[in-house]
Amino acid sequence: MNNVNLDLVDFLTKTNNIKGCSFATIKGYTNTANEVGNHLINLGASLSNAKVKDLETMRNTNANDLFENFTFENSTMPFDIFEKAFNELQDSFVKVGDKLINGTTKERSNRSQAQIDAYTLINNQLKVHNEKQRLYIYALRLKKEILVKGEYKSTNKQRKTICKDYIKKALDFKTSKFTMFIVEKADLLNLAKTSFKGENLEINL
């Protein structure tokens, strides 16, 4: 905490001990596409638990049944591509999910010590970049209200990626709802204005 700007102290005091389900509203947040919106998030949600649940959902889902309702730009998507996307997605959860279920997940070893030292980790949802004094909030987004539409560039996704996106949406993946919010140094003073409305933390930017 020694490297954290004092403007963050009030905010961090309110959020540092959050566990379980704790709602927060981020108002007036602008993302990298210049979209402005209000976001209802759960600061206490566990990404690890979400990964386990998504893995269980995939294991209980038949790729053939899911493929029946799939459409791709008014054309036919070969089932073998869809099936490969389904299996790859499930395998990615198996590698992480099984470790989580067995309680054997370890800290990722490929992160350099310099990378770790660059941040002050507050909890699983909050960290601060020490040099840039930038706050990162990683939380489960429950609802989004768009105030100003952003400018999103069109991308040419591979067919397998399109299939994976469809599967995640169709199965309502919990992990897909986790979102990173970045609060720049210029906005940190606004964090002092955070307040509780009942059990809901309100953050105005």
Protein backbone atom coordinates (compact mmCIF):
# COMPACT_ATOMS: atom_id res chain seq x y z
CA MET A 1 0.00 0.00 0.00
CA ASN A 2 3.00 2.33 0.38
CA ASN A 3 3.17 3.00 -3.36
CA VAL A 4 -0.53 3.81 -3.72
CA ASN A 5 -1.60 7.41 -4.21
CA LEU A 6 -3.44 8.75 -1.18
CA ASP A 7 -6.39 9.66 -3.41
CA LEU A 8 -7.17 5.94 -3.52
CA VAL A 9 -7.18 5.34 0.22
CA ASP A 10 -10.87 6.05 0.78
CA PHE A 11 -11.91 3.86 -2.13
CA LEU A 12 -9.62 0.99 -1.18
CA THR A 13 -10.80 1.11 2.42
CA LYS A 14 -14.35 0.55 1.21
CA THR A 15 -13.49 -2.31 -1.13
CA ASN A 16 -10.46 -4.12 0.28
CA ASN A 17 -12.40 -6.47 2.54
CA ILE A 18 -15.20 -7.27 0.11
CA LYS A 19 -16.05 -10.96 -0.06
CA GLY A 20 -18.90 -12.85 -1.65
CA CYS A 21 -21.61 -10.85 -3.38
CA SER A 22 -21.04 -7.09 -3.17
CA PHE A 23 -22.57 -4.84 -5.80
CA ALA A 24 -21.03 -1.65 -7.15
CA THR A 25 -22.12 0.82 -9.81
CA ILE A 26 -19.52 2.52 -12.00
CA LYS A 27 -21.12 5.60 -13.52
CA GLY A 28 -19.86 7.47 -16.56
CA TYR A 29 -17.09 5.01 -17.44
CA THR A 30 -15.38 5.60 -20.82
CA ASN A 31 -13.69 2.61 -22.46
CA THR A 32 -10.98 2.50 -25.14
CA ALA A 33 -13.62 2.79 -27.90
CA ASN A 34 -14.91 6.02 -26.31
CA GLU A 35 -18.13 4.32 -25.27
CA VAL A 36 -19.58 5.92 -22.13
CA GLY A 37 -21.80 3.89 -19.87
CA ASN A 38 -22.98 2.90 -16.42
CA HIS A 39 -22.03 -0.56 -15.20
CA LEU A 40 -23.42 -2.70 -12.40
CA ILE A 41 -20.71 -5.08 -11.19
CA ASN A 42 -20.09 -7.67 -8.51
CA LEU A 43 -16.76 -6.94 -6.83
CA GLY A 44 -16.83 -10.15 -4.83
CA ALA A 45 -17.43 -12.64 -7.63
CA SER A 46 -14.86 -15.42 -8.03
CA LEU A 47 -13.35 -15.97 -11.48
CA SER A 48 -12.14 -19.40 -10.36
CA ASN A 49 -15.69 -20.46 -9.47
CA ALA A 50 -16.94 -19.10 -12.80
CA LYS A 51 -14.39 -21.22 -14.69
CA VAL A 52 -15.49 -24.35 -12.84
CA LYS A 53 -19.17 -23.63 -13.59
CA ASP A 54 -18.49 -23.00 -17.28
CA LEU A 55 -16.56 -26.25 -17.50
CA GLU A 56 -19.47 -28.13 -15.92
CA THR A 57 -21.87 -26.48 -18.38
CA MET A 58 -19.78 -27.60 -21.35
CA ARG A 59 -19.52 -31.15 -20.05
CA ASN A 60 -23.32 -31.27 -19.82
CA THR A 61 -23.81 -29.90 -23.34
CA ASN A 62 -23.95 -31.86 -26.59
CA ALA A 63 -22.21 -30.10 -29.47
CA ASN A 64 -24.70 -31.51 -32.00
CA ASP A 65 -27.68 -30.07 -30.11
CA LEU A 66 -26.01 -26.67 -29.85
CA PHE A 67 -25.14 -26.68 -33.55
CA GLU A 68 -28.78 -27.08 -34.60
CA ASN A 69 -29.59 -23.45 -33.74
CA PHE A 70 -26.35 -21.98 -35.10
CA THR A 71 -26.47 -19.65 -38.12
CA PHE A 72 -23.50 -18.02 -39.83
CA GLU A 73 -24.10 -15.00 -42.07
CA ASN A 74 -26.94 -16.77 -43.90
CA SER A 75 -24.58 -19.54 -44.96
CA THR A 76 -23.68 -23.00 -43.73
CA MET A 77 -20.93 -23.58 -41.20
CA PRO A 78 -19.39 -27.06 -41.48
CA PHE A 79 -20.07 -29.07 -38.33
CA ASP A 80 -16.47 -30.26 -38.14
CA ILE A 81 -15.31 -26.65 -37.63
CA PHE A 82 -18.00 -26.05 -35.02
CA GLU A 83 -17.13 -29.29 -33.23
CA LYS A 84 -13.42 -28.45 -33.23
CA ALA A 85 -14.18 -25.03 -31.74
CA PHE A 86 -16.38 -26.65 -29.10
CA ASN A 87 -13.70 -29.18 -28.15
CA GLU A 88 -10.92 -26.59 -28.03
CA LEU A 89 -13.03 -24.38 -25.80
CA GLN A 90 -13.81 -27.26 -23.48
CA ASP A 91 -10.17 -28.37 -23.37
CA SER A 92 -9.11 -24.87 -22.36
CA PHE A 93 -11.46 -25.08 -19.37
CA VAL A 94 -10.35 -28.63 -18.55
CA LYS A 95 -6.73 -27.54 -18.20
CA VAL A 96 -7.64 -24.80 -15.74
CA GLY A 97 -10.92 -26.09 -14.34
CA ASP A 98 -9.68 -29.49 -13.25
CA LYS A 99 -6.84 -27.87 -11.34
CA LEU A 100 -9.33 -25.55 -9.65
CA ILE A 101 -11.60 -28.45 -8.70
CA ASN A 102 -8.64 -30.37 -7.29
CA GLY A 103 -7.26 -27.31 -5.55
CA THR A 104 -3.91 -27.52 -7.33
CA THR A 105 -3.87 -24.20 -9.18
CA LYS A 106 -0.64 -22.30 -8.64
CA GLU A 107 0.44 -18.77 -9.41
CA ARG A 108 1.36 -18.39 -13.06
CA SER A 109 5.10 -18.86 -13.29
CA ASN A 110 5.63 -16.99 -16.54
CA ARG A 111 5.07 -13.58 -15.01
CA SER A 112 8.34 -11.84 -14.37
CA GLN A 113 9.14 -10.41 -10.96
CA ALA A 114 9.40 -6.98 -12.57
CA GLN A 115 5.82 -7.31 -13.81
CA ILE A 116 4.61 -8.26 -10.35
CA ASP A 117 6.53 -5.44 -8.68
CA ALA A 118 5.00 -2.90 -11.06
CA TYR A 119 1.65 -3.26 -9.32
CA THR A 120 0.24 -3.00 -5.82
CA LEU A 121 -2.24 -5.85 -5.51
CA ILE A 122 -5.17 -4.87 -3.30
CA ASN A 123 -7.22 -8.05 -3.72
CA ASN A 124 -8.30 -10.36 -6.55
CA GLN A 125 -10.40 -7.58 -8.11
CA LEU A 126 -8.20 -4.52 -7.59
CA LYS A 127 -4.64 -3.56 -8.41
CA VAL A 128 -2.79 -0.29 -8.92
CA HIS A 129 0.03 0.42 -11.37
CA ASN A 130 2.57 2.09 -9.13
CA GLU A 131 4.26 4.33 -11.70
CA LYS A 132 1.22 5.37 -13.72
CA GLN A 133 -1.09 5.45 -10.67
CA ARG A 134 -3.71 3.67 -12.74
CA LEU A 135 -6.39 1.60 -10.99
CA TYR A 136 -7.53 -1.71 -12.49
CA ILE A 137 -10.91 -3.12 -11.45
CA TYR A 138 -11.61 -6.67 -12.67
CA ALA A 139 -15.14 -7.74 -11.82
CA LEU A 140 -18.25 -9.60 -12.94
CA ARG A 141 -20.44 -7.22 -14.95
CA LEU A 142 -24.13 -7.79 -14.34
CA LYS A 143 -25.63 -4.96 -16.36
CA LYS A 144 -24.54 -2.21 -18.75
CA GLU A 145 -26.35 0.99 -19.72
CA ILE A 146 -24.82 2.74 -22.73
CA LEU A 147 -24.93 6.54 -22.50
CA VAL A 148 -22.76 7.34 -25.53
CA LYS A 149 -22.11 4.80 -28.28
CA GLY A 150 -18.48 3.96 -28.98
CA GLU A 151 -16.62 3.51 -32.26
CA TYR A 152 -15.77 -0.15 -32.73
CA LYS A 153 -13.66 -1.28 -35.68
CA SER A 154 -14.94 -4.22 -37.67
CA THR A 155 -12.76 -7.32 -37.53
CA ASN A 156 -12.56 -10.35 -39.79
CA LYS A 157 -12.80 -13.22 -37.34
CA GLN A 158 -11.89 -16.76 -38.28
CA ARG A 159 -14.82 -19.14 -38.52
CA LYS A 160 -13.63 -21.12 -35.51
CA THR A 161 -13.49 -17.93 -33.42
CA ILE A 162 -17.05 -17.07 -34.52
CA CYS A 163 -18.15 -20.51 -33.37
CA LYS A 164 -16.50 -20.04 -29.99
CA ASP A 165 -18.17 -16.65 -29.53
CA TYR A 166 -21.53 -18.22 -30.31
CA ILE A 167 -20.96 -21.08 -27.86
CA LYS A 168 -20.01 -18.70 -25.05
CA LYS A 169 -23.15 -16.63 -25.65
CA ALA A 170 -25.48 -19.59 -26.12
CA LEU A 171 -24.28 -21.24 -22.91
CA ASP A 172 -24.26 -17.92 -21.03
CA PHE A 173 -20.66 -18.28 -19.87
CA LYS A 174 -19.96 -16.62 -16.54
CA THR A 175 -16.32 -16.02 -17.44
CA SER A 176 -17.33 -13.95 -20.47
CA LYS A 177 -19.03 -11.46 -18.17
CA PHE A 178 -15.86 -10.56 -16.27
CA THR A 179 -14.65 -7.15 -17.40
CA MET A 180 -11.57 -5.00 -16.79
CA PHE A 181 -12.24 -1.36 -15.91
CA ILE A 182 -9.26 1.01 -15.99
CA VAL A 183 -9.37 4.25 -14.03
CA GLU A 184 -6.74 6.72 -15.20
CA LYS A 185 -4.84 8.99 -12.85
CA ALA A 186 -6.91 12.00 -13.93
CA ASP A 187 -10.04 10.28 -12.63
CA LEU A 188 -8.64 9.09 -9.32
CA LEU A 189 -9.82 12.16 -7.41
CA ASN A 190 -13.39 11.14 -8.23
CA LEU A 191 -12.90 7.94 -6.28
CA ALA A 192 -12.95 9.98 -3.10
CA LYS A 193 -16.60 10.66 -3.95
CA THR A 194 -17.52 6.99 -3.76
CA SER A 195 -20.40 6.29 -1.43
CA PHE A 196 -22.59 3.46 -0.27
CA LYS A 197 -26.28 3.45 -1.13
CA GLY A 198 -27.58 0.66 1.01
CA GLU A 199 -25.24 -2.22 0.23
CA ASN A 200 -24.33 -0.83 -3.19
CA LEU A 201 -21.05 1.01 -3.72
CA GLU A 202 -21.44 3.88 -6.20
CA ILE A 203 -18.41 5.08 -8.16
CA ASN A 204 -18.81 8.27 -10.19
CA LEU A 205 -16.25 9.07 -12.90
